[in-house]
Amino acid sequence: MCVTAVESRPAGIVGTSQSPSRRPFGARVKAFVALTKPRIIELLLITTVPVMFLAEQGVPDLKLVLLTCLGGYLSAGGANALNMYIDRDIDALMDRTSQRPLVTGMVSPRECLAFGITLAVVSTLLFGLAVNWLSAWLSLGALLFYVVVYTMILKRRTSQNIVWGGIAGCMPVLIGWTAVTNSLTWAPVILFLVIFFWTPPHYWPLSMKVKDDYARVGVPMLPVIASNKTVAKQIVIYSWVMVAVSLLLTPLGYTGWFYTLVALVSGGWWLWEAHALQNRAKAEVTGGKLKEMRLFHWSITYVSLLFVAVAVDPFLR
């Protein structure tokens, strides 16, 4: 999720910029790890483990937590690798992705495809055999949704790509709950919806920052085809719905005062930042003064605080 300005590369050299004999073993290992997008997966695990505490209403079995995290990492890593395989043509043309392993040639397309499929199979079997099959099918469904629905169908066709494609990123909440209970109820569904409404206002500010990259490769992210004013308005709408949904857990009896307090304070600060961005956009502020990345960075803090509160709340009731 970091943005790095580097020299763009023509698409024609993808996977050919380094011969196998010039790819050091250590660098190759790092490249395969990079295929899994570890920083994004950290965020997925932040939404998985706390839900397991809520489902258990205390400390879940630590072996189960470890297996769920491992399965989640392998599944999301496989999805990310397959995403890079499919998007290798546009990754070579975008500044923020031009150092990915397939673009530099550190990993070949065939190796990436095999790696992604292997992780998908191993993660599904690990979930099914060591956790439960409901979690396994949810994990596999998230992977397929991200690769097929988002990457192959939505991403290059509609500005709503991140809205519906973000469903894959909501699935770890359901997986964490089912890993403990082998069932579903309203609590994980509500948290699923929190992440669903969180994803667009989390990602659109970043897209505003790098919209030239997306425009260059013809990916119709909302900031590419709409004005900053329109994007900011959408961010505010999704933000209000997200905060409202996050507060549903308490009246339904799943959480108590601590979660409610954290949800109100962190959600209130989010809305402040969202409206501030909208005001700057309405004033037609551009460039660095738009400060769109303030909301992007806060969005990561917000979801971390909210889900830490999910984990802590059962011990304070």
Foldseek 3Di string as FASTA:
>chain_A
DDFDFDDFAALVCFLPQDDPVPQDPVNLVVLLVVLLVVVVLVLLLLLQLLLLLLLVLHDDDVVLNVLLSVLSSLLSSLLSLLLCLLCVSLLRGFRRRCPHCRNNNSADSVRSNVSSVVSLVVSLCSCPPPQNNVLSVLSNVLSCLLNPVQRPPNFLPDLCSQLSSQLSSLSSLVSSNCSNVVDDDVPSVLSSLLSSLLRLLLCVLVCLVRVVSCVVVRGPHPVVVDALLVSLVSSLVSLVVSLVSQQVCVVVPSFDDQLNVLSVVLSVVLNVVSVLLNVCSVVVPDDVVSVSCVSNVSSSVSSSSNSVSSNCGSVVD
